[in-house]
Amino acid sequence: MRRVSPADAQRLGYVACRCGLSGNRQHSLQQYPMIENRTGPQTIEFLTKRVVALGAVQVGQFLVDCETYMSVPQLGVQRTVHVLHNSEQPASVFALLESGSKVVPLIADGLFDLLMMKMTTIYTSKKQTKIESKGPRFEIGDFCVKLGSVTMSQNFKGVLVEVEYRPCVVPASAWELIREFLQGFLGSTVSNQAPQYLQNRMNEIYQPMDTIQQYLEHFGQYRKATGIEILSTKSSKVIANVNVNANTTIGEVKQELHKLKKAANINRQSLRLDAKGKSLSDSETIKSLSLKTGGKLYYKDLGPQIGWKTVFLLEYAGPLVVYLWLYQRPWLFYGNVNTSNFHYIAKCAAGAWSIHYVKRLLETIFVHRFSHATMPLHNLFKNCSYYWLFAMYVAYHTNHPLYTAPSKFQFHIGSIIFVLCELGNLSIHIALRNLRPPGTTVRKVPMPTKNPFTALFLLVSCPNYTYEIGSWIGFTVMTSCLPAGLFTLAGAYQMTVWALGKHKAYKKEFSHYPKNRKAIIPFIL
């Protein structure tokens, strides 16, 4: 019989198949790997169709649950008590005491549960380990089939299929018949040999405790599957336990939390190693984070989200509308003025401003590929306030009736800087777009292309920010406008922070990253 390792179980899931009877009836245990890319409910539905196709009729539901208690350290030798219930024997409670290599089985009535509650000073229940198998129950001739969905702390673990054969109570007398039924029902995954548990009991009379023993064996395998705890950043309370493997990504953990209805949409989730730590990237894996079985991640709900493309469109459309609105309707701020006397540099400034933000809008629609789908909605108001208010501040001065224009030479120098940097910024954005295949978040080391403007990649990690700052320096020079200079300084500070962060991330992610590159200012920073 092929055994499924805990790693395989948590990666693919598996279905454990038990055939036998509740009471003194024939029973054996098999394992049936779940079909890849099929969820637990889908597997139950798949098996249900197979059973019904054989002529089975559903007759109610069933439930088997298990809770484990550990002795307190003061007792010395560690003792474990497993308490199980089977809906086929509703008046009985099954218990197994493990002490070292000894296992003592016990069948009692419902008062045993009350006894365990009274013994909390001696035995304590292990948190988050209550496990159960429940689902539909079918009858077909002399067989009874139970399709159980296994959950632990409300987290799906796998599927157990129990098959009972009623006429016989001795395994050796009925194994071949059971095997044929199992293989016809479950396919070639069923071994020709009897399960290990029954091989030494083939000539003994089958007892209800044998069913419990086999359930406990499988429950133990589910519990040993690799898992991590997800805690709230606010209260540090456990939200869920998620099964993972070494290659599970943070993005997949988020999907599982959402599937379990333990967390909001994955775009609202932030997972961290510490309650006050930084958000982890969706591409990071359990292995890269050095998380082990029983490890912890902290969850925070980021609140309502908005798509990055929508954010950019609102951020860039606002300054364009505000500036041109004030340019075309100066009487809103200055009263009745003669617009025909506006200096041609003020008109050129409006044109340059429009070119920049129209370019940004078109890049948002046709060029940019975003590594993150959304951002918190509350950030939208902060970002829009920054762009829109600065647009009004700059437009108020460049369009003022008393605006003093710079010399032609200064205007021409500023205009040349502005145009060249705008072309450079566009070239870098196109080069970055071509680094990332559509629909992915793949990251590569950016390198110069045949476009000469991209040669700046040889000197800095974020030349798009370098060109952006250059554009606004050129705008400030061509307009000789102090508010434009303040806008340039504010933007340069923020872009420098972003560039330093990206530069650090590049060096951490790519061991072969060019060492001579700076973050944003060639040879300096």
Protein backbone atom coordinates (compact mmCIF):
# COMPACT_ATOMS: atom_id res chain seq x y z
CA MET A 1 0.00 0.00 0.00
CA ARG A 2 1.44 3.38 -1.00
CA ARG A 3 1.66 5.79 1.87
CA VAL A 4 1.05 9.50 1.35
CA SER A 5 3.60 11.60 3.21
CA PRO A 6 2.46 14.61 5.26
CA ALA A 7 4.10 16.88 2.65
CA ASP A 8 2.09 15.24 -0.15
CA ALA A 9 -1.06 15.32 1.94
CA GLN A 10 -0.92 19.05 2.59
CA ARG A 11 0.12 19.86 -0.95
CA LEU A 12 -2.38 17.73 -2.84
CA GLY A 13 -4.76 16.68 -0.05
CA TYR A 14 -5.86 13.08 0.10
CA VAL A 15 -8.87 10.90 0.62
CA ALA A 16 -8.55 8.09 3.14
CA CYS A 17 -10.94 5.27 2.30
CA ARG A 18 -12.22 2.95 4.97
CA CYS A 19 -14.41 0.02 4.31
CA GLY A 20 -16.14 -1.78 7.11
CA LEU A 21 -19.04 -1.66 9.49
CA SER A 22 -20.10 0.23 12.54
CA GLY A 23 -20.62 -2.39 15.19
CA ASN A 24 -19.24 -5.91 14.68
CA ARG A 25 -19.00 -5.73 10.90
CA GLN A 26 -16.14 -6.06 8.41
CA HIS A 27 -13.98 -2.96 8.08
CA SER A 28 -10.70 -2.07 6.30
CA LEU A 29 -8.76 1.11 5.53
CA GLN A 30 -7.36 2.44 2.26
CA GLN A 31 -5.94 5.76 1.10
CA TYR A 32 -7.10 7.52 -2.05
CA PRO A 33 -5.10 10.58 -3.25
CA MET A 34 -7.23 13.58 -4.17
CA ILE A 35 -7.23 14.64 -7.81
CA GLU A 36 -4.96 17.62 -8.37
CA ASN A 37 -6.65 21.03 -8.74
CA ARG A 38 -9.86 19.63 -7.24
CA THR A 39 -11.11 21.06 -3.94
CA GLY A 40 -12.56 19.05 -1.05
CA PRO A 41 -16.22 19.80 -1.94
CA GLN A 42 -15.49 18.98 -5.58
CA THR A 43 -13.97 15.65 -4.51
CA ILE A 44 -17.04 14.87 -2.38
CA GLU A 45 -19.27 15.69 -5.37
CA PHE A 46 -17.11 13.54 -7.66
CA LEU A 47 -17.30 10.55 -5.30
CA THR A 48 -21.01 11.10 -4.71
CA LYS A 49 -21.67 10.78 -8.44
CA ARG A 50 -19.72 7.52 -8.50
CA VAL A 51 -21.66 6.10 -5.58
CA VAL A 52 -25.03 7.15 -6.97
CA ALA A 53 -24.08 5.68 -10.36
CA LEU A 54 -23.68 2.31 -8.62
CA GLY A 55 -27.26 2.56 -7.36
CA ALA A 56 -26.61 3.92 -3.85
CA VAL A 57 -29.25 5.91 -1.98
CA GLN A 58 -28.39 8.64 0.51
CA VAL A 59 -29.56 7.85 4.03
CA GLY A 60 -28.81 10.74 6.38
CA GLN A 61 -25.50 12.15 7.57
CA PHE A 62 -22.68 10.88 9.78
CA LEU A 63 -20.08 12.43 12.08
CA VAL A 64 -16.88 11.23 13.73
CA ASP A 65 -14.95 13.72 15.87
CA CYS A 66 -11.83 13.65 18.00
CA GLU A 67 -10.50 15.92 20.73
CA THR A 68 -7.07 15.41 22.29
CA TYR A 69 -6.09 16.13 25.90
CA MET A 70 -2.57 16.37 27.30
CA SER A 71 -1.57 15.72 30.92
CA VAL A 72 -0.10 18.60 32.89
CA PRO A 73 3.71 18.60 33.38
CA GLN A 74 3.33 18.02 37.13
CA LEU A 75 2.31 14.40 36.46
CA GLY A 76 5.77 13.60 35.12
CA VAL A 77 5.46 11.22 32.19
CA GLN A 78 3.49 12.78 29.36
CA ARG A 79 0.09 11.14 28.85
CA THR A 80 -2.32 11.79 25.99
CA VAL A 81 -6.05 11.05 25.93
CA HIS A 82 -7.92 11.00 22.62
CA VAL A 83 -11.70 11.27 23.03
CA LEU A 84 -13.76 10.33 19.96
CA HIS A 85 -17.46 10.15 19.10
CA ASN A 86 -19.11 8.23 16.27
CA SER A 87 -22.68 9.02 15.22
CA GLU A 88 -23.14 5.29 14.50
CA GLN A 89 -22.86 4.71 18.27
CA PRO A 90 -24.45 7.90 19.68
CA ALA A 91 -24.60 6.58 23.26
CA SER A 92 -20.89 5.70 23.43
CA VAL A 93 -17.72 7.69 23.97
CA PHE A 94 -14.42 6.17 22.80
CA ALA A 95 -11.17 7.06 24.53
CA LEU A 96 -7.57 6.01 23.99
CA LEU A 97 -4.93 6.71 26.63
CA GLU A 98 -1.37 6.89 25.32
CA SER A 99 1.45 6.63 27.85
CA GLY A 100 4.84 5.98 26.33
CA SER A 101 4.48 2.95 24.05
CA LYS A 102 1.30 1.74 25.76
CA VAL A 103 -2.19 2.44 24.41
CA VAL A 104 -5.23 1.73 26.59
CA PRO A 105 -8.63 1.77 24.80
CA LEU A 106 -11.87 2.54 26.64
CA ILE A 107 -15.55 2.61 25.69
CA ALA A 108 -17.81 4.57 28.04
CA ASP A 109 -21.12 6.41 28.05
CA GLY A 110 -21.75 10.14 27.63
CA LEU A 111 -20.77 10.87 31.24
CA PHE A 112 -17.13 10.43 30.21
CA ASP A 113 -17.25 13.86 28.51
CA LEU A 114 -18.37 15.40 31.81
CA LEU A 115 -15.54 13.58 33.59
CA MET A 116 -12.96 15.11 31.24
CA MET A 117 -14.43 18.54 31.90
CA LYS A 118 -13.96 17.98 35.63
CA MET A 119 -10.34 16.91 35.12
CA THR A 120 -9.08 20.17 33.60
CA THR A 121 -6.46 20.44 36.35
CA ILE A 122 -4.96 17.15 35.16
CA TYR A 123 -5.73 17.01 31.44
CA THR A 124 -5.99 20.07 29.20
CA SER A 125 -7.36 20.16 25.69
CA LYS A 126 -4.82 20.99 23.00
CA LYS A 127 -5.92 24.18 21.30
CA GLN A 128 -6.84 24.15 17.62
CA THR A 129 -6.61 20.34 17.40
CA LYS A 130 -10.26 19.27 17.47
CA ILE A 131 -10.81 17.37 14.25
CA GLU A 132 -13.87 15.81 12.69
CA SER A 133 -15.08 13.94 9.62
CA LYS A 134 -18.66 14.47 8.56
CA GLY A 135 -20.76 14.19 5.44
CA PRO A 136 -23.42 12.17 3.59
CA ARG A 137 -24.12 8.49 4.25
CA PHE A 138 -25.16 6.10 1.44
CA GLU A 139 -26.51 2.54 1.36
CA ILE A 140 -26.08 0.11 -1.55
CA GLY A 141 -27.01 -3.53 -0.98
CA ASP A 142 -24.84 -4.95 1.83
CA PHE A 143 -22.52 -1.90 1.78
CA CYS A 144 -22.69 1.45 3.52
CA VAL A 145 -20.57 4.29 2.14
CA LYS A 146 -19.75 7.49 4.07
CA LEU A 147 -18.10 10.48 2.41
CA GLY A 148 -16.53 12.60 5.12
CA SER A 149 -15.06 16.08 4.82
CA VAL A 150 -12.30 16.39 7.42
CA THR A 151 -11.86 19.74 9.15
CA MET A 152 -9.66 20.90 12.01
CA SER A 153 -10.52 24.19 13.71
CA GLN A 154 -12.85 24.85 10.77
CA ASN A 155 -9.95 24.42 8.32
CA PHE A 156 -10.41 21.84 5.57
CA LYS A 157 -7.87 19.00 5.75
CA GLY A 158 -9.03 16.27 3.39
CA VAL A 159 -11.68 13.64 2.72
CA LEU A 160 -12.25 10.29 4.43
CA VAL A 161 -14.33 7.62 2.71
CA GLU A 162 -15.63 4.88 4.99
CA VAL A 163 -17.14 1.74 3.45
CA GLU A 164 -18.88 -0.85 5.63
CA TYR A 165 -19.68 -4.46 4.69
CA ARG A 166 -22.46 -5.83 6.85
CA PRO A 167 -22.74 -9.63 6.51
CA CYS A 168 -19.23 -10.52 7.73
CA VAL A 169 -17.29 -9.71 10.93
CA VAL A 170 -13.98 -11.47 10.17
CA PRO A 171 -11.62 -9.53 7.84
CA ALA A 172 -9.99 -12.61 6.29
CA SER A 173 -13.33 -13.97 5.11
CA ALA A 174 -14.41 -10.86 3.24
CA TRP A 175 -11.29 -8.94 2.20
CA GLU A 176 -11.33 -10.05 -1.47
CA LEU A 177 -14.97 -9.01 -1.85
CA ILE A 178 -14.29 -5.67 -0.17
CA ARG A 179 -11.22 -5.09 -2.35
CA GLU A 180 -13.23 -5.67 -5.54
CA PHE A 181 -15.91 -3.25 -4.37
CA LEU A 182 -13.32 -0.62 -3.45
CA GLN A 183 -11.45 -0.91 -6.72
CA GLY A 184 -14.69 -0.70 -8.69
CA PHE A 185 -15.67 2.38 -6.72
CA LEU A 186 -12.31 4.13 -6.19
CA GLY A 187 -10.17 2.75 -8.97
CA SER A 188 -6.60 1.50 -9.09
CA THR A 189 -5.52 3.55 -6.08
CA VAL A 190 -6.77 0.75 -3.83
CA SER A 191 -4.03 -1.73 -2.93
CA ASN A 192 -4.46 -5.48 -3.41
CA GLN A 193 -3.17 -6.01 0.13
CA ALA A 194 -5.21 -5.41 3.24
CA PRO A 195 -4.40 -2.24 5.18
CA GLN A 196 -1.52 -2.48 7.65
CA TYR A 197 -3.83 -2.06 10.63
CA LEU A 198 -5.85 -5.18 9.72
CA GLN A 199 -3.01 -7.44 8.58
CA ASN A 200 -2.40 -8.72 12.14
CA ARG A 201 -6.14 -8.94 12.87
CA MET A 202 -7.42 -10.74 9.78
CA ASN A 203 -8.84 -13.69 11.77
CA GLU A 204 -10.19 -11.68 14.69
CA ILE A 205 -13.73 -10.44 15.13
CA TYR A 206 -13.98 -6.82 14.07
CA GLN A 207 -14.99 -4.39 16.85
CA PRO A 208 -16.24 -0.75 16.88
CA MET A 209 -12.96 0.28 18.53
CA ASP A 210 -11.15 -0.86 15.35
CA THR A 211 -13.07 1.79 13.43
CA ILE A 212 -12.06 4.40 16.02
CA GLN A 213 -8.43 3.29 15.87
CA GLN A 214 -8.34 3.78 12.13
CA TYR A 215 -10.01 7.18 12.31
CA LEU A 216 -7.46 8.22 14.93
CA GLU A 217 -4.63 7.01 12.68
CA HIS A 218 -5.82 9.21 9.84
CA PHE A 219 -6.63 12.17 12.07
CA GLY A 220 -3.04 11.96 13.32
CA GLN A 221 -1.73 12.16 9.75
CA TYR A 222 -3.84 15.22 9.05
CA ARG A 223 -2.60 16.91 12.22
CA LYS A 224 1.03 16.26 11.31
CA ALA A 225 0.60 17.97 7.95
CA THR A 226 2.65 21.18 7.84
CA GLY A 227 0.64 24.20 8.94
CA ILE A 228 1.04 27.78 10.16
CA GLU A 229 -1.08 29.95 12.43
CA ILE A 230 -2.57 33.22 11.22
CA LEU A 231 -3.02 35.76 14.04
CA SER A 232 -4.66 39.19 14.18
CA THR A 233 -2.28 42.14 14.39
CA LYS A 234 -4.70 43.87 16.80
CA SER A 235 -5.46 41.16 19.35
CA SER A 236 -2.90 38.41 18.50
CA LYS A 237 -5.82 35.95 18.51
CA VAL A 238 -5.64 32.96 16.17
CA ILE A 239 -7.74 33.56 13.07
CA ALA A 240 -7.02 30.29 11.25
CA ASN A 241 -4.57 27.47 10.67
CA VAL A 242 -3.45 27.07 7.08
CA ASN A 243 -1.76 24.02 5.59
CA VAL A 244 1.33 24.92 3.60
CA ASN A 245 4.46 23.43 2.11
CA ALA A 246 7.92 24.89 1.55
CA ASN A 247 6.91 26.30 -1.84
CA THR A 248 3.60 27.83 -0.76
CA THR A 249 3.57 31.56 -1.50
CA ILE A 250 2.12 34.35 0.61
CA GLY A 251 -0.35 34.96 -2.20
CA GLU A 252 -1.58 31.37 -1.90
CA VAL A 253 -1.95 31.75 1.88
CA LYS A 254 -4.11 34.83 1.27
CA GLN A 255 -6.27 32.89 -1.19
CA GLU A 256 -6.74 30.11 1.36
CA LEU A 257 -7.76 32.61 4.07
CA HIS A 258 -10.33 34.12 1.73
CA LYS A 259 -11.57 30.66 0.73
CA LEU A 260 -12.00 29.77 4.42
CA LYS A 261 -13.94 33.04 4.90
CA LYS A 262 -11.44 34.05 7.55
CA ALA A 263 -10.29 37.17 5.73
CA ALA A 264 -11.44 39.71 3.18
CA ASN A 265 -10.52 39.76 -0.50
CA ILE A 266 -6.82 39.01 -1.02
CA ASN A 267 -6.20 42.61 -2.13
CA ARG A 268 -7.27 43.81 1.33
CA GLN A 269 -4.96 41.42 3.15
CA SER A 270 -1.58 42.27 4.62
CA LEU A 271 0.47 39.38 6.06
CA ARG A 272 3.54 40.05 8.20
CA LEU A 273 6.11 38.18 10.24
CA ASP A 274 5.54 40.56 13.16
CA ALA A 275 2.42 42.41 14.24
CA LYS A 276 4.11 45.76 13.50
CA GLY A 277 6.34 44.52 10.68
CA LYS A 278 6.26 45.24 6.96
CA SER A 279 3.79 43.59 4.59
CA LEU A 280 5.16 40.50 2.87
CA SER A 281 5.26 40.22 -0.89
CA ASP A 282 2.80 37.78 -2.48
CA SER A 283 5.70 36.08 -4.27
CA GLU A 284 7.63 35.18 -1.09
CA THR A 285 7.49 31.53 -0.05
CA ILE A 286 7.31 29.73 3.28
CA LYS A 287 10.86 28.49 2.67
CA SER A 288 12.27 31.94 1.86
CA LEU A 289 10.74 33.29 5.08
CA SER A 290 12.24 30.38 7.12
CA LEU A 291 8.81 29.52 8.54
CA LYS A 292 8.45 26.08 10.12
CA THR A 293 5.53 23.94 11.23
CA GLY A 294 3.53 25.88 13.82
CA GLY A 295 5.00 29.18 12.64
CA LYS A 296 3.00 32.39 12.80
CA LEU A 297 1.97 35.11 10.41
CA TYR A 298 0.08 38.25 11.38
CA TYR A 299 -2.93 39.43 9.41
CA LYS A 300 -4.22 42.97 8.95
CA ASP A 301 -7.24 44.10 6.97
CA LEU A 302 -6.12 47.03 4.81
CA GLY A 303 -9.68 48.25 4.38
CA PRO A 304 -11.55 49.11 1.16
CA GLN A 305 -9.32 49.00 -1.92
CA ILE A 306 -9.22 50.75 -5.27
CA GLY A 307 -7.45 49.67 -8.45
CA TRP A 308 -4.07 51.25 -9.20
CA LYS A 309 -5.11 52.18 -12.72
CA THR A 310 -8.12 54.05 -11.37
CA VAL A 311 -5.90 55.77 -8.81
CA PHE A 312 -3.46 56.97 -11.47
CA LEU A 313 -6.23 58.17 -13.75
CA LEU A 314 -7.77 60.24 -10.94
CA GLU A 315 -4.40 61.52 -9.73
CA TYR A 316 -3.35 62.71 -13.19
CA ALA A 317 -6.69 63.83 -14.60
CA GLY A 318 -7.22 66.16 -11.62
CA PRO A 319 -4.11 68.38 -12.12
CA LEU A 320 -4.84 68.61 -15.85
CA VAL A 321 -8.44 69.73 -15.31
CA VAL A 322 -7.63 72.10 -12.43
CA TYR A 323 -4.75 73.83 -14.25
CA LEU A 324 -6.62 74.29 -17.54
CA TRP A 325 -9.80 75.33 -15.71
CA LEU A 326 -7.92 78.14 -13.99
CA TYR A 327 -6.01 78.99 -17.18
CA GLN A 328 -9.21 79.38 -19.20
CA ARG A 329 -11.23 81.07 -16.43
CA PRO A 330 -8.83 83.43 -14.61
CA TRP A 331 -11.72 85.61 -13.45
CA LEU A 332 -12.55 82.90 -10.87
CA PHE A 333 -9.43 83.96 -8.92
CA TYR A 334 -8.44 87.38 -10.22
CA GLY A 335 -11.74 89.02 -11.12
CA ASN A 336 -12.27 90.63 -14.52
CA VAL A 337 -8.91 90.59 -16.31
CA ASN A 338 -7.85 90.96 -19.92
CA THR A 339 -6.69 87.49 -20.97
CA SER A 340 -5.28 88.80 -24.24
CA ASN A 341 -2.40 90.34 -22.31
CA PHE A 342 -1.22 86.97 -20.93
CA HIS A 343 2.45 86.41 -21.55
CA TYR A 344 3.26 83.75 -24.13
CA ILE A 345 5.35 81.89 -21.52
CA ALA A 346 2.21 81.45 -19.42
CA LYS A 347 0.58 79.85 -22.45
CA CYS A 348 3.63 77.64 -23.02
CA ALA A 349 3.55 76.64 -19.34
CA ALA A 350 -0.07 75.53 -19.74
CA GLY A 351 0.95 73.54 -22.81
CA ALA A 352 3.91 71.89 -21.02
CA TRP A 353 1.74 71.06 -18.00
CA SER A 354 -0.89 69.52 -20.30
CA ILE A 355 1.71 67.50 -22.24
CA HIS A 356 3.08 66.01 -19.01
CA TYR A 357 -0.26 64.90 -17.58
CA VAL A 358 -1.75 63.74 -20.89
CA LYS A 359 1.39 61.61 -21.28
CA ARG A 360 0.90 60.19 -17.79
CA LEU A 361 -2.75 59.36 -18.50
CA LEU A 362 -1.89 57.60 -21.77
CA GLU A 363 0.94 55.69 -20.04
CA THR A 364 -1.50 54.55 -17.37
CA ILE A 365 -3.89 53.18 -20.00
CA PHE A 366 -1.45 51.73 -22.53
CA VAL A 367 1.99 51.31 -20.96
CA HIS A 368 2.05 50.59 -17.22
CA ARG A 369 1.82 47.03 -15.87
CA PHE A 370 1.16 47.18 -12.16
CA SER A 371 2.79 44.79 -9.68
CA HIS A 372 -0.06 45.41 -7.22
CA ALA A 373 -3.70 45.29 -8.23
CA THR A 374 -5.03 47.74 -5.64
CA MET A 375 -4.17 50.26 -2.94
CA PRO A 376 -6.12 51.33 0.19
CA LEU A 377 -8.95 53.68 -0.71
CA HIS A 378 -7.97 56.21 1.99
CA ASN A 379 -4.63 56.79 0.21
CA LEU A 380 -6.52 58.04 -2.83
CA PHE A 381 -7.64 61.20 -1.00
CA LYS A 382 -4.12 61.91 0.23
CA ASN A 383 -2.57 61.43 -3.22
CA CYS A 384 -5.25 63.42 -5.05
CA SER A 385 -5.00 66.24 -2.53
CA TYR A 386 -1.26 66.50 -3.14
CA TYR A 387 -1.55 66.64 -6.95
CA TRP A 388 -4.71 68.71 -7.22
CA LEU A 389 -3.80 71.36 -4.65
CA PHE A 390 -0.28 71.81 -6.04
CA ALA A 391 -1.80 72.14 -9.52
CA MET A 392 -4.01 74.97 -8.27
CA TYR A 393 -1.08 76.59 -6.45
CA VAL A 394 1.19 76.54 -9.50
CA ALA A 395 -1.57 77.58 -11.91
CA TYR A 396 -2.53 80.53 -9.70
CA HIS A 397 0.97 82.01 -10.05
CA THR A 398 1.80 81.17 -13.68
CA ASN A 399 -1.54 82.59 -14.86
CA HIS A 400 -1.58 85.64 -12.58
CA PRO A 401 -2.07 89.01 -14.33
CA LEU A 402 1.08 90.27 -12.56
CA TYR A 403 3.15 87.21 -13.54
CA THR A 404 6.76 88.15 -14.37
CA ALA A 405 8.20 85.98 -17.12
CA PRO A 406 11.90 84.97 -17.27
CA SER A 407 14.25 85.86 -20.09
CA LYS A 408 13.98 84.10 -23.46
CA PHE A 409 17.30 82.36 -22.87
CA GLN A 410 16.13 80.98 -19.50
CA PHE A 411 12.83 79.94 -21.03
CA HIS A 412 14.55 78.10 -23.89
CA ILE A 413 16.98 76.32 -21.54
CA GLY A 414 14.13 75.20 -19.30
CA SER A 415 12.04 74.09 -22.28
CA ILE A 416 14.86 71.94 -23.69
CA ILE A 417 15.40 70.29 -20.29
CA PHE A 418 11.67 69.66 -19.96
CA VAL A 419 11.25 68.09 -23.43
CA LEU A 420 14.33 65.87 -23.16
CA CYS A 421 13.38 64.60 -19.70
CA GLU A 422 9.79 63.92 -20.77
CA LEU A 423 11.10 61.81 -23.67
CA GLY A 424 13.51 60.07 -21.29
CA ASN A 425 10.75 59.35 -18.79
CA LEU A 426 8.54 57.84 -21.50
CA SER A 427 11.44 55.73 -22.81
CA ILE A 428 12.14 54.29 -19.35
CA HIS A 429 8.47 53.46 -18.77
CA ILE A 430 8.32 51.56 -22.07
CA ALA A 431 11.54 49.69 -21.24
CA LEU A 432 10.18 48.71 -17.82
CA ARG A 433 6.92 47.57 -19.40
CA ASN A 434 8.78 45.26 -21.75
CA LEU A 435 10.56 43.64 -18.79
CA ARG A 436 7.28 42.31 -17.38
CA PRO A 437 5.19 39.83 -19.42
CA PRO A 438 1.46 40.68 -19.53
CA GLY A 439 -0.55 39.46 -16.54
CA THR A 440 2.49 38.74 -14.37
CA THR A 441 4.48 40.38 -11.58
CA VAL A 442 7.82 39.09 -12.85
CA ARG A 443 10.82 41.20 -11.86
CA LYS A 444 14.05 41.41 -13.85
CA VAL A 445 17.17 43.52 -13.70
CA PRO A 446 16.45 46.56 -15.93
CA MET A 447 19.12 47.14 -18.56
CA PRO A 448 19.60 49.73 -21.34
CA THR A 449 17.95 49.07 -24.71
CA LYS A 450 18.72 50.49 -28.15
CA ASN A 451 16.91 53.67 -27.13
CA PRO A 452 19.69 56.11 -26.04
CA PHE A 453 17.54 57.56 -23.27
CA THR A 454 17.63 54.19 -21.47
CA ALA A 455 21.45 54.42 -21.12
CA LEU A 456 20.76 56.05 -17.74
CA PHE A 457 20.07 52.51 -16.45
CA LEU A 458 23.86 52.09 -16.38
CA LEU A 459 24.09 54.72 -13.66
CA VAL A 460 20.88 54.57 -11.59
CA SER A 461 18.24 52.01 -10.64
CA CYS A 462 15.26 54.33 -11.14
CA PRO A 463 15.98 56.60 -14.13
CA ASN A 464 12.24 57.19 -14.55
CA TYR A 465 12.35 59.18 -11.30
CA THR A 466 15.54 60.94 -12.40
CA TYR A 467 13.89 62.07 -15.62
CA GLU A 468 10.70 63.01 -13.77
CA ILE A 469 12.60 65.30 -11.42
CA GLY A 470 14.48 66.70 -14.43
CA SER A 471 11.18 67.52 -16.15
CA TRP A 472 9.97 69.57 -13.21
CA ILE A 473 13.33 71.30 -12.86
CA GLY A 474 12.99 72.26 -16.52
CA PHE A 475 9.41 73.49 -15.93
CA THR A 476 10.57 75.55 -12.95
CA VAL A 477 13.41 77.11 -14.99
CA MET A 478 11.20 77.90 -18.00
CA THR A 479 8.50 79.52 -15.84
CA SER A 480 10.70 81.01 -13.08
CA CYS A 481 7.83 80.11 -10.74
CA LEU A 482 8.54 79.55 -7.03
CA PRO A 483 5.47 77.28 -6.42
CA ALA A 484 6.68 75.09 -9.31
CA GLY A 485 10.04 74.84 -7.53
CA LEU A 486 8.33 73.81 -4.29
CA PHE A 487 6.34 71.19 -6.20
CA THR A 488 9.62 69.92 -7.67
CA LEU A 489 11.27 69.67 -4.24
CA ALA A 490 8.30 67.83 -2.72
CA GLY A 491 8.18 65.39 -5.61
CA ALA A 492 11.97 64.90 -5.60
CA TYR A 493 11.92 64.01 -1.91
CA GLN A 494 9.16 61.42 -2.32
CA MET A 495 10.70 59.90 -5.45
CA THR A 496 14.09 59.68 -3.72
CA VAL A 497 12.47 57.67 -0.91
CA TRP A 498 10.85 55.35 -3.44
CA ALA A 499 14.07 55.00 -5.43
CA LEU A 500 16.14 54.09 -2.37
CA GLY A 501 13.59 51.42 -1.47
CA LYS A 502 13.57 49.93 -4.97
CA HIS A 503 17.36 50.08 -5.20
CA LYS A 504 17.64 48.15 -1.94
CA ALA A 505 15.08 45.59 -3.15
CA TYR A 506 16.95 45.10 -6.43
CA LYS A 507 20.23 44.42 -4.63
CA LYS A 508 18.55 42.00 -2.24
CA GLU A 509 16.67 40.10 -4.94
CA PHE A 510 19.41 39.90 -7.58
CA SER A 511 22.86 38.76 -6.44
CA HIS A 512 24.34 39.84 -9.78
CA TYR A 513 22.90 43.36 -9.62
CA PRO A 514 25.37 45.98 -10.97
CA LYS A 515 27.35 47.41 -8.06
CA ASN A 516 28.16 50.74 -9.70
CA ARG A 517 24.54 51.85 -9.92
CA LYS A 518 23.12 54.46 -7.57
CA ALA A 519 19.45 54.81 -6.71
CA ILE A 520 18.40 58.04 -8.44
CA ILE A 521 21.27 60.57 -8.82
CA PRO A 522 24.26 59.32 -10.86
CA PHE A 523 27.47 58.91 -8.81
CA ILE A 524 25.87 60.54 -5.74
CA LEU A 525 22.70 58.92 -4.38
